[in-house]
Amino acid sequence: MSDQAQGRGGDSAPPDIRTIIDKESPFPPVRRVGMFRALRWLQAGWQDFRASGATSIFYGICFALMGMVLKLVLHNAPEYVSALSCGFLLIGPLLALGLYDISRRMENQRSGLLGSVFSMRGRWSNIGVLALVLAVIMMVWARASLVIFALFYNKGMPSMQSFLSQLFSLDHLEFVLVYACIGAVFASIVFAISWVSIPLMLDRDTDAITAMIISCVSLFINVPACLFWGLCIVAAVVIGMMSWNLGLIILIPVIGHATWHAYKDVVGHPSDRSQ
């Protein structure tokens, strides 16, 4: 295995990017990026958001509306709201597929909302496998979430207002810690298999299993960068939800576009092997 700096189009790569090349591997080369490279991804995501305008805002509104509807329908059942809200985030990488396609189209000097909506066309089999995996993880998480609630609230479920007040007053610190730790396990699994796999399948029509393997390998090579990137995503989602979901209109599209740029930085091309 050897290291080689490689940028886009043959240009020199930034100093915080290094391509990891294994000439005997059937997979594309993976680049090791600097820990704070996510700041550059967010900057690029913001630029794509501004350039795409209403197209990205449409997706942001869809995310915000889904969150609002979820809260309205289940406002008296906090155990279901929390389980489905976190589950909704687990399948978020798949729901952001249109945002990845918008960034891809902008790179290729194409545009249009309609095209991004049908970005799965011709890729149903590959992306469908990953969608099935994410759906199974979401269902397992939903079940685990309800079990945690049942263990800590065995005398009856609280109302939404009392539940929120208990969280902020830390009266149930044990519940918060257990719920957060279990949720982090599920979120880590989803992040590992999807953080670059969906853009990879969209861009190169890679099969789902190969894409998930590449995604996991990319994470292990870029653990510091992935930890920082994951914290950025969590912070954006928390801020968006605390603003009555209105912040999601902007933050989710920016994260979606930034994910595309993360993929472009991390996953190299077979041509890198001949450099």
C-alpha atoms as a PDB file:
ATOM      1  CA  MET A   1       0.000   0.000   0.000  1.00  0.00           C
ATOM      2  CA  SER A   2       1.361   3.423  -0.885  1.00  0.00           C
ATOM      3  CA  ASP A   3       0.237   7.005  -0.379  1.00  0.00           C
ATOM      4  CA  GLN A   4      -0.152   9.539  -3.117  1.00  0.00           C
ATOM      5  CA  ALA A   5      -1.574  13.042  -3.202  1.00  0.00           C
ATOM      6  CA  GLN A   6      -4.149  13.397  -5.912  1.00  0.00           C
ATOM      7  CA  GLY A   7      -6.546  16.241  -6.619  1.00  0.00           C
ATOM      8  CA  ARG A   8      -9.464  16.589  -8.983  1.00  0.00           C
ATOM      9  CA  GLY A   9      -8.615  16.794 -12.634  1.00  0.00           C
ATOM     10  CA  GLY A  10      -4.955  16.043 -11.987  1.00  0.00           C
ATOM     11  CA  ASP A  11      -4.372  19.153  -9.855  1.00  0.00           C
ATOM     12  CA  SER A  12      -2.412  18.968  -6.640  1.00  0.00           C
ATOM     13  CA  ALA A  13      -4.585  18.015  -3.719  1.00  0.00           C
ATOM     14  CA  PRO A  14      -5.011  20.275  -0.688  1.00  0.00           C
ATOM     15  CA  PRO A  15      -2.513  19.506   2.072  1.00  0.00           C
ATOM     16  CA  ASP A  16      -5.172  17.782   4.188  1.00  0.00           C
ATOM     17  CA  ILE A  17      -6.027  15.159   1.533  1.00  0.00           C
ATOM     18  CA  ARG A  18      -3.974  12.046   0.758  1.00  0.00           C
ATOM     19  CA  THR A  19      -4.961   9.173  -1.516  1.00  0.00           C
ATOM     20  CA  ILE A  20      -4.551   5.653  -0.137  1.00  0.00           C
ATOM     21  CA  ILE A  21      -3.798   3.339  -3.056  1.00  0.00           C
ATOM     22  CA  ASP A  22      -3.788  -0.438  -2.979  1.00  0.00           C
ATOM     23  CA  LYS A  23      -3.021  -1.574  -6.514  1.00  0.00           C
ATOM     24  CA  GLU A  24      -4.327  -5.092  -5.827  1.00  0.00           C
ATOM     25  CA  SER A  25      -7.708  -3.969  -4.461  1.00  0.00           C
ATOM     26  CA  PRO A  26     -10.788  -4.174  -6.712  1.00  0.00           C
ATOM     27  CA  PHE A  27     -12.202  -1.113  -4.942  1.00  0.00           C
ATOM     28  CA  PRO A  28     -11.459   2.510  -5.867  1.00  0.00           C
ATOM     29  CA  PRO A  29      -8.737   4.305  -3.910  1.00  0.00           C
ATOM     30  CA  VAL A  30      -9.800   6.051  -0.709  1.00  0.00           C
ATOM     31  CA  ARG A  31      -8.435   9.425   0.295  1.00  0.00           C
ATOM     32  CA  ARG A  32      -7.437  10.285   3.853  1.00  0.00           C
ATOM     33  CA  VAL A  33      -8.653  13.793   4.656  1.00  0.00           C
ATOM     34  CA  GLY A  34      -7.846  16.182   7.463  1.00  0.00           C
ATOM     35  CA  MET A  35      -9.955  16.174  10.619  1.00  0.00           C
ATOM     36  CA  PHE A  36     -11.577  19.530   9.898  1.00  0.00           C
ATOM     37  CA  ARG A  37     -12.141  18.934   6.185  1.00  0.00           C
ATOM     38  CA  ALA A  38     -15.867  18.921   6.992  1.00  0.00           C
ATOM     39  CA  LEU A  39     -15.728  22.710   7.247  1.00  0.00           C
ATOM     40  CA  ARG A  40     -14.799  22.813   3.574  1.00  0.00           C
ATOM     41  CA  TRP A  41     -17.650  20.429   2.781  1.00  0.00           C
ATOM     42  CA  LEU A  42     -20.100  22.681   4.610  1.00  0.00           C
ATOM     43  CA  GLN A  43     -18.789  25.699   2.737  1.00  0.00           C
ATOM     44  CA  ALA A  44     -19.241  23.903  -0.580  1.00  0.00           C
ATOM     45  CA  GLY A  45     -22.688  22.718   0.538  1.00  0.00           C
ATOM     46  CA  TRP A  46     -23.705  26.276   1.355  1.00  0.00           C
ATOM     47  CA  GLN A  47     -22.508  27.410  -2.071  1.00  0.00           C
ATOM     48  CA  ASP A  48     -24.588  24.698  -3.747  1.00  0.00           C
ATOM     49  CA  PHE A  49     -27.585  25.659  -1.631  1.00  0.00           C
ATOM     50  CA  ARG A  50     -27.331  29.287  -2.710  1.00  0.00           C
ATOM     51  CA  ALA A  51     -26.767  28.353  -6.353  1.00  0.00           C
ATOM     52  CA  SER A  52     -29.689  25.910  -6.543  1.00  0.00           C
ATOM     53  CA  GLY A  53     -32.126  28.242  -4.802  1.00  0.00           C
ATOM     54  CA  ALA A  54     -35.729  27.053  -4.673  1.00  0.00           C
ATOM     55  CA  THR A  55     -34.793  23.518  -5.708  1.00  0.00           C
ATOM     56  CA  SER A  56     -32.903  22.843  -2.480  1.00  0.00           C
ATOM     57  CA  ILE A  57     -35.435  24.773  -0.399  1.00  0.00           C
ATOM     58  CA  PHE A  58     -38.147  22.417  -1.700  1.00  0.00           C
ATOM     59  CA  TYR A  59     -36.340  19.466  -0.124  1.00  0.00           C
ATOM     60  CA  GLY A  60     -35.760  21.424   3.077  1.00  0.00           C
ATOM     61  CA  ILE A  61     -39.467  22.224   3.333  1.00  0.00           C
ATOM     62  CA  CYS A  62     -40.298  18.535   2.849  1.00  0.00           C
ATOM     63  CA  PHE A  63     -38.018  17.576   5.752  1.00  0.00           C
ATOM     64  CA  ALA A  64     -39.475  20.298   7.977  1.00  0.00           C
ATOM     65  CA  LEU A  65     -43.062  19.337   7.134  1.00  0.00           C
ATOM     66  CA  MET A  66     -42.400  15.663   7.883  1.00  0.00           C
ATOM     67  CA  GLY A  67     -41.074  16.614  11.305  1.00  0.00           C
ATOM     68  CA  MET A  68     -44.017  18.904  12.020  1.00  0.00           C
ATOM     69  CA  VAL A  69     -46.591  16.321  10.954  1.00  0.00           C
ATOM     70  CA  LEU A  70     -44.907  13.727  13.136  1.00  0.00           C
ATOM     71  CA  LYS A  71     -45.139  15.967  16.192  1.00  0.00           C
ATOM     72  CA  LEU A  72     -48.747  16.956  15.512  1.00  0.00           C
ATOM     73  CA  VAL A  73     -50.013  13.419  14.987  1.00  0.00           C
ATOM     74  CA  LEU A  74     -48.187  11.940  17.977  1.00  0.00           C
ATOM     75  CA  HIS A  75     -48.089  14.928  20.333  1.00  0.00           C
ATOM     76  CA  ASN A  76     -49.532  12.814  23.188  1.00  0.00           C
ATOM     77  CA  ALA A  77     -47.124   9.918  22.719  1.00  0.00           C
ATOM     78  CA  PRO A  78     -43.526  11.074  23.362  1.00  0.00           C
ATOM     79  CA  GLU A  79     -42.227   7.513  23.167  1.00  0.00           C
ATOM     80  CA  TYR A  80     -43.367   7.275  19.539  1.00  0.00           C
ATOM     81  CA  VAL A  81     -42.302  10.815  18.658  1.00  0.00           C
ATOM     82  CA  SER A  82     -38.747  10.247  19.887  1.00  0.00           C
ATOM     83  CA  ALA A  83     -38.503   6.799  18.317  1.00  0.00           C
ATOM     84  CA  LEU A  84     -39.814   7.902  14.934  1.00  0.00           C
ATOM     85  CA  SER A  85     -37.892  11.184  14.974  1.00  0.00           C
ATOM     86  CA  CYS A  86     -34.614   9.352  15.507  1.00  0.00           C
ATOM     87  CA  GLY A  87     -35.693   6.692  13.019  1.00  0.00           C
ATOM     88  CA  PHE A  88     -36.486   9.437  10.545  1.00  0.00           C
ATOM     89  CA  LEU A  89     -32.899  10.642  10.937  1.00  0.00           C
ATOM     90  CA  LEU A  90     -31.573   7.115  10.421  1.00  0.00           C
ATOM     91  CA  ILE A  91     -33.078   7.014   6.934  1.00  0.00           C
ATOM     92  CA  GLY A  92     -32.184  10.662   6.327  1.00  0.00           C
ATOM     93  CA  PRO A  93     -29.183   9.804   4.102  1.00  0.00           C
ATOM     94  CA  LEU A  94     -31.554   8.016   1.749  1.00  0.00           C
ATOM     95  CA  LEU A  95     -34.142  10.801   1.816  1.00  0.00           C
ATOM     96  CA  ALA A  96     -31.417  13.291   0.863  1.00  0.00           C
ATOM     97  CA  LEU A  97     -30.754  11.456  -2.407  1.00  0.00           C
ATOM     98  CA  GLY A  98     -32.281  14.303  -4.419  1.00  0.00           C
ATOM     99  CA  LEU A  99     -29.918  16.801  -2.806  1.00  0.00           C
ATOM    100  CA  TYR A 100     -26.912  14.713  -3.812  1.00  0.00           C
ATOM    101  CA  ASP A 101     -28.247  14.657  -7.363  1.00  0.00           C
ATOM    102  CA  ILE A 102     -28.640  18.432  -7.395  1.00  0.00           C
ATOM    103  CA  SER A 103     -24.946  18.860  -6.553  1.00  0.00           C
ATOM    104  CA  ARG A 104     -24.040  16.245  -9.159  1.00  0.00           C
ATOM    105  CA  ARG A 105     -26.083  18.050 -11.798  1.00  0.00           C
ATOM    106  CA  MET A 106     -24.498  21.372 -10.905  1.00  0.00           C
ATOM    107  CA  GLU A 107     -21.039  19.865 -11.412  1.00  0.00           C
ATOM    108  CA  ASN A 108     -22.178  18.673 -14.838  1.00  0.00           C
ATOM    109  CA  GLN A 109     -23.800  22.049 -15.584  1.00  0.00           C
ATOM    110  CA  ARG A 110     -27.305  20.638 -15.471  1.00  0.00           C
ATOM    111  CA  SER A 111     -30.212  21.705 -13.299  1.00  0.00           C
ATOM    112  CA  GLY A 112     -33.864  21.035 -12.623  1.00  0.00           C
ATOM    113  CA  LEU A 113     -35.985  19.878  -9.715  1.00  0.00           C
ATOM    114  CA  LEU A 114     -37.790  17.212 -11.712  1.00  0.00           C
ATOM    115  CA  GLY A 115     -34.580  15.424 -12.615  1.00  0.00           C
ATOM    116  CA  SER A 116     -33.431  15.283  -8.987  1.00  0.00           C
ATOM    117  CA  VAL A 117     -36.782  13.880  -7.851  1.00  0.00           C
ATOM    118  CA  PHE A 118     -36.342  10.954 -10.247  1.00  0.00           C
ATOM    119  CA  SER A 119     -32.635  10.481  -9.515  1.00  0.00           C
ATOM    120  CA  MET A 120     -33.268   6.849  -8.483  1.00  0.00           C
ATOM    121  CA  ARG A 121     -34.445   5.973 -11.970  1.00  0.00           C
ATOM    122  CA  GLY A 122     -32.312   3.115 -13.284  1.00  0.00           C
ATOM    123  CA  ARG A 123     -30.808   2.499  -9.838  1.00  0.00           C
ATOM    124  CA  TRP A 124     -33.762   0.978  -8.000  1.00  0.00           C
ATOM    125  CA  SER A 125     -32.108  -2.392  -7.433  1.00  0.00           C
ATOM    126  CA  ASN A 126     -28.895  -0.984  -5.945  1.00  0.00           C
ATOM    127  CA  ILE A 127     -30.366   1.788  -3.835  1.00  0.00           C
ATOM    128  CA  GLY A 128     -33.321  -0.423  -2.933  1.00  0.00           C
ATOM    129  CA  VAL A 129     -31.011  -2.884  -1.155  1.00  0.00           C
ATOM    130  CA  LEU A 130     -29.562  -0.110   0.978  1.00  0.00           C
ATOM    131  CA  ALA A 131     -33.048   1.258   1.606  1.00  0.00           C
ATOM    132  CA  LEU A 132     -34.083  -2.169   2.887  1.00  0.00           C
ATOM    133  CA  VAL A 133     -31.066  -2.310   5.214  1.00  0.00           C
ATOM    134  CA  LEU A 134     -31.846   1.162   6.585  1.00  0.00           C
ATOM    135  CA  ALA A 135     -35.518   0.253   7.023  1.00  0.00           C
ATOM    136  CA  VAL A 136     -34.604  -2.840   9.050  1.00  0.00           C
ATOM    137  CA  ILE A 137     -32.245  -0.795  11.238  1.00  0.00           C
ATOM    138  CA  MET A 138     -34.984   1.779  11.743  1.00  0.00           C
ATOM    139  CA  MET A 139     -37.508  -0.867  12.822  1.00  0.00           C
ATOM    140  CA  VAL A 140     -35.045  -2.439  15.251  1.00  0.00           C
ATOM    141  CA  TRP A 141     -34.290   1.001  16.674  1.00  0.00           C
ATOM    142  CA  ALA A 142     -37.994   1.793  17.066  1.00  0.00           C
ATOM    143  CA  ARG A 143     -38.465  -1.414  19.025  1.00  0.00           C
ATOM    144  CA  ALA A 144     -35.404  -0.743  21.190  1.00  0.00           C
ATOM    145  CA  SER A 145     -36.611   2.790  21.842  1.00  0.00           C
ATOM    146  CA  LEU A 146     -40.001   1.591  23.085  1.00  0.00           C
ATOM    147  CA  VAL A 147     -38.323  -0.987  25.338  1.00  0.00           C
ATOM    148  CA  ILE A 148     -36.156   1.727  26.914  1.00  0.00           C
ATOM    149  CA  PHE A 149     -39.233   3.863  27.571  1.00  0.00           C
ATOM    150  CA  ALA A 150     -41.047   0.893  29.084  1.00  0.00           C
ATOM    151  CA  LEU A 151     -38.131   0.146  31.428  1.00  0.00           C
ATOM    152  CA  PHE A 152     -37.817   3.684  32.757  1.00  0.00           C
ATOM    153  CA  TYR A 153     -41.518   4.643  32.682  1.00  0.00           C
ATOM    154  CA  ASN A 154     -43.036   1.397  33.946  1.00  0.00           C
ATOM    155  CA  LYS A 155     -45.761   3.260  35.816  1.00  0.00           C
ATOM    156  CA  GLY A 156     -47.167   4.929  32.738  1.00  0.00           C
ATOM    157  CA  MET A 157     -45.923   7.048  29.860  1.00  0.00           C
ATOM    158  CA  PRO A 158     -45.581  10.806  30.479  1.00  0.00           C
ATOM    159  CA  SER A 159     -47.247  13.499  28.428  1.00  0.00           C
ATOM    160  CA  MET A 160     -45.137  15.391  25.910  1.00  0.00           C
ATOM    161  CA  GLN A 161     -44.885  18.497  28.111  1.00  0.00           C
ATOM    162  CA  SER A 162     -43.911  16.579  31.231  1.00  0.00           C
ATOM    163  CA  PHE A 163     -41.456  14.480  29.238  1.00  0.00           C
ATOM    164  CA  LEU A 164     -39.690  17.561  27.860  1.00  0.00           C
ATOM    165  CA  SER A 165     -39.602  19.228  31.268  1.00  0.00           C
ATOM    166  CA  GLN A 166     -38.054  16.100  32.766  1.00  0.00           C
ATOM    167  CA  LEU A 167     -35.383  16.035  30.078  1.00  0.00           C
ATOM    168  CA  PHE A 168     -34.364  19.640  30.593  1.00  0.00           C
ATOM    169  CA  SER A 169     -34.474  19.325  34.381  1.00  0.00           C
ATOM    170  CA  LEU A 170     -32.355  16.142  34.244  1.00  0.00           C
ATOM    171  CA  ASP A 171     -34.745  14.341  36.587  1.00  0.00           C
ATOM    172  CA  HIS A 172     -34.255  11.226  34.478  1.00  0.00           C
ATOM    173  CA  LEU A 173     -30.536  11.471  33.755  1.00  0.00           C
ATOM    174  CA  GLU A 174     -30.183   7.671  33.600  1.00  0.00           C
ATOM    175  CA  PHE A 175     -32.860   7.474  30.928  1.00  0.00           C
ATOM    176  CA  VAL A 176     -31.214  10.234  28.885  1.00  0.00           C
ATOM    177  CA  LEU A 177     -27.808   8.544  29.033  1.00  0.00           C
ATOM    178  CA  VAL A 178     -29.114   5.078  28.136  1.00  0.00           C
ATOM    179  CA  TYR A 179     -31.314   6.419  25.346  1.00  0.00           C
ATOM    180  CA  ALA A 180     -28.457   8.503  23.931  1.00  0.00           C
ATOM    181  CA  CYS A 181     -25.956   5.623  24.090  1.00  0.00           C
ATOM    182  CA  ILE A 182     -28.279   3.123  22.390  1.00  0.00           C
ATOM    183  CA  GLY A 183     -29.261   5.704  19.799  1.00  0.00           C
ATOM    184  CA  ALA A 184     -25.597   6.471  19.135  1.00  0.00           C
ATOM    185  CA  VAL A 185     -24.951   2.797  18.365  1.00  0.00           C
ATOM    186  CA  PHE A 186     -27.681   2.709  15.723  1.00  0.00           C
ATOM    187  CA  ALA A 187     -26.660   6.099  14.328  1.00  0.00           C
ATOM    188  CA  SER A 188     -23.025   4.972  14.069  1.00  0.00           C
ATOM    189  CA  ILE A 189     -24.004   1.873  12.092  1.00  0.00           C
ATOM    190  CA  VAL A 190     -26.107   3.913   9.683  1.00  0.00           C
ATOM    191  CA  PHE A 191     -23.413   6.554   9.328  1.00  0.00           C
ATOM    192  CA  ALA A 192     -20.738   3.955   8.604  1.00  0.00           C
ATOM    193  CA  ILE A 193     -22.650   2.229   5.803  1.00  0.00           C
ATOM    194  CA  SER A 194     -24.192   5.310   4.197  1.00  0.00           C
ATOM    195  CA  TRP A 195     -22.007   8.407   4.571  1.00  0.00           C
ATOM    196  CA  VAL A 196     -20.516   8.011   1.079  1.00  0.00           C
ATOM    197  CA  SER A 197     -22.309   4.916  -0.247  1.00  0.00           C
ATOM    198  CA  ILE A 198     -25.473   6.598  -1.549  1.00  0.00           C
ATOM    199  CA  PRO A 199     -23.623   9.335  -3.487  1.00  0.00           C
ATOM    200  CA  LEU A 200     -21.304   6.603  -4.796  1.00  0.00           C
ATOM    201  CA  MET A 201     -24.227   4.533  -6.101  1.00  0.00           C
ATOM    202  CA  LEU A 202     -25.780   7.642  -7.626  1.00  0.00           C
ATOM    203  CA  ASP A 203     -22.571   8.752  -9.321  1.00  0.00           C
ATOM    204  CA  ARG A 204     -21.091   5.429 -10.488  1.00  0.00           C
ATOM    205  CA  ASP A 205     -24.028   3.002 -10.312  1.00  0.00           C
ATOM    206  CA  THR A 206     -22.079   0.849  -7.824  1.00  0.00           C
ATOM    207  CA  ASP A 207     -23.914  -2.101  -6.289  1.00  0.00           C
ATOM    208  CA  ALA A 208     -25.155  -1.680  -2.718  1.00  0.00           C
ATOM    209  CA  ILE A 209     -22.847  -4.206  -1.026  1.00  0.00           C
ATOM    210  CA  THR A 210     -19.717  -2.773  -2.628  1.00  0.00           C
ATOM    211  CA  ALA A 211     -20.819   0.776  -1.828  1.00  0.00           C
ATOM    212  CA  MET A 212     -21.421  -0.071   1.844  1.00  0.00           C
ATOM    213  CA  ILE A 213     -18.014  -1.771   2.107  1.00  0.00           C
ATOM    214  CA  ILE A 214     -16.305   1.264   0.566  1.00  0.00           C
ATOM    215  CA  SER A 215     -18.231   3.519   2.950  1.00  0.00           C
ATOM    216  CA  CYS A 216     -17.080   1.532   6.001  1.00  0.00           C
ATOM    217  CA  VAL A 217     -13.467   1.423   4.788  1.00  0.00           C
ATOM    218  CA  SER A 218     -13.582   5.169   4.158  1.00  0.00           C
ATOM    219  CA  LEU A 219     -14.759   5.693   7.726  1.00  0.00           C
ATOM    220  CA  PHE A 220     -11.976   3.565   9.242  1.00  0.00           C
ATOM    221  CA  ILE A 221      -9.375   5.457   7.220  1.00  0.00           C
ATOM    222  CA  ASN A 222     -10.891   8.819   8.218  1.00  0.00           C
ATOM    223  CA  VAL A 223     -12.024   8.287  11.817  1.00  0.00           C
ATOM    224  CA  PRO A 224     -11.132  11.804  13.096  1.00  0.00           C
ATOM    225  CA  ALA A 225     -12.737  13.495  10.090  1.00  0.00           C
ATOM    226  CA  CYS A 226     -15.836  11.292  10.380  1.00  0.00           C
ATOM    227  CA  LEU A 227     -16.218  12.030  14.094  1.00  0.00           C
ATOM    228  CA  PHE A 228     -16.089  15.755  13.418  1.00  0.00           C
ATOM    229  CA  TRP A 229     -18.423  15.428  10.432  1.00  0.00           C
ATOM    230  CA  GLY A 230     -20.877  13.389  12.499  1.00  0.00           C
ATOM    231  CA  LEU A 231     -20.867  16.041  15.235  1.00  0.00           C
ATOM    232  CA  CYS A 232     -21.583  18.711  12.620  1.00  0.00           C
ATOM    233  CA  ILE A 233     -24.580  16.715  11.353  1.00  0.00           C
ATOM    234  CA  VAL A 234     -25.938  16.137  14.873  1.00  0.00           C
ATOM    235  CA  ALA A 235     -25.506  19.824  15.743  1.00  0.00           C
ATOM    236  CA  ALA A 236     -27.326  20.893  12.576  1.00  0.00           C
ATOM    237  CA  VAL A 237     -30.226  18.521  13.226  1.00  0.00           C
ATOM    238  CA  VAL A 238     -30.555  19.561  16.886  1.00  0.00           C
ATOM    239  CA  ILE A 239     -30.513  23.250  15.973  1.00  0.00           C
ATOM    240  CA  GLY A 240     -33.074  22.613  13.243  1.00  0.00           C
ATOM    241  CA  MET A 241     -35.433  20.763  15.574  1.00  0.00           C
ATOM    242  CA  MET A 242     -35.063  23.330  18.360  1.00  0.00           C
ATOM    243  CA  SER A 243     -36.202  26.032  15.942  1.00  0.00           C
ATOM    244  CA  TRP A 244     -39.600  24.313  15.525  1.00  0.00           C
ATOM    245  CA  ASN A 245     -38.153  22.470  12.501  1.00  0.00           C
ATOM    246  CA  LEU A 246     -37.850  25.721  10.542  1.00  0.00           C
ATOM    247  CA  GLY A 247     -34.067  25.523  10.650  1.00  0.00           C
ATOM    248  CA  LEU A 248     -34.248  22.198   8.817  1.00  0.00           C
ATOM    249  CA  ILE A 249     -35.368  24.079   5.701  1.00  0.00           C
ATOM    250  CA  ILE A 250     -31.829  25.411   5.324  1.00  0.00           C
ATOM    251  CA  LEU A 251     -29.650  23.093   7.386  1.00  0.00           C
ATOM    252  CA  ILE A 252     -30.720  19.757   5.876  1.00  0.00           C
ATOM    253  CA  PRO A 253     -30.126  20.854   2.253  1.00  0.00           C
ATOM    254  CA  VAL A 254     -26.715  22.255   3.206  1.00  0.00           C
ATOM    255  CA  ILE A 255     -25.805  18.970   4.918  1.00  0.00           C
ATOM    256  CA  GLY A 256     -27.068  17.024   1.896  1.00  0.00           C
ATOM    257  CA  HIS A 257     -24.984  19.038  -0.554  1.00  0.00           C
ATOM    258  CA  ALA A 258     -21.980  18.855   1.777  1.00  0.00           C
ATOM    259  CA  THR A 259     -22.308  15.054   1.849  1.00  0.00           C
ATOM    260  CA  TRP A 260     -21.861  15.003  -1.919  1.00  0.00           C
ATOM    261  CA  HIS A 261     -18.630  16.965  -1.594  1.00  0.00           C
ATOM    262  CA  ALA A 262     -17.491  14.641   1.186  1.00  0.00           C
ATOM    263  CA  TYR A 263     -17.929  11.712  -1.180  1.00  0.00           C
ATOM    264  CA  LYS A 264     -16.032  13.489  -3.974  1.00  0.00           C
ATOM    265  CA  ASP A 265     -13.137  14.217  -1.627  1.00  0.00           C
ATOM    266  CA  VAL A 266     -12.951  10.780   0.000  1.00  0.00           C
ATOM    267  CA  VAL A 267     -13.612   8.250  -2.794  1.00  0.00           C
ATOM    268  CA  GLY A 268     -11.030   8.326  -5.548  1.00  0.00           C
ATOM    269  CA  HIS A 269     -11.129   6.992  -9.099  1.00  0.00           C
ATOM    270  CA  PRO A 270      -9.519   3.869 -10.571  1.00  0.00           C
ATOM    271  CA  SER A 271      -7.394   6.166 -12.723  1.00  0.00           C
ATOM    272  CA  ASP A 272      -5.584   7.259  -9.554  1.00  0.00           C
ATOM    273  CA  ARG A 273      -3.773   3.912  -9.535  1.00  0.00           C
ATOM    274  CA  SER A 274      -1.827   4.799 -12.657  1.00  0.00           C
ATOM    275  CA  GLN A 275      -0.634   8.141 -11.276  1.00  0.00           C
END
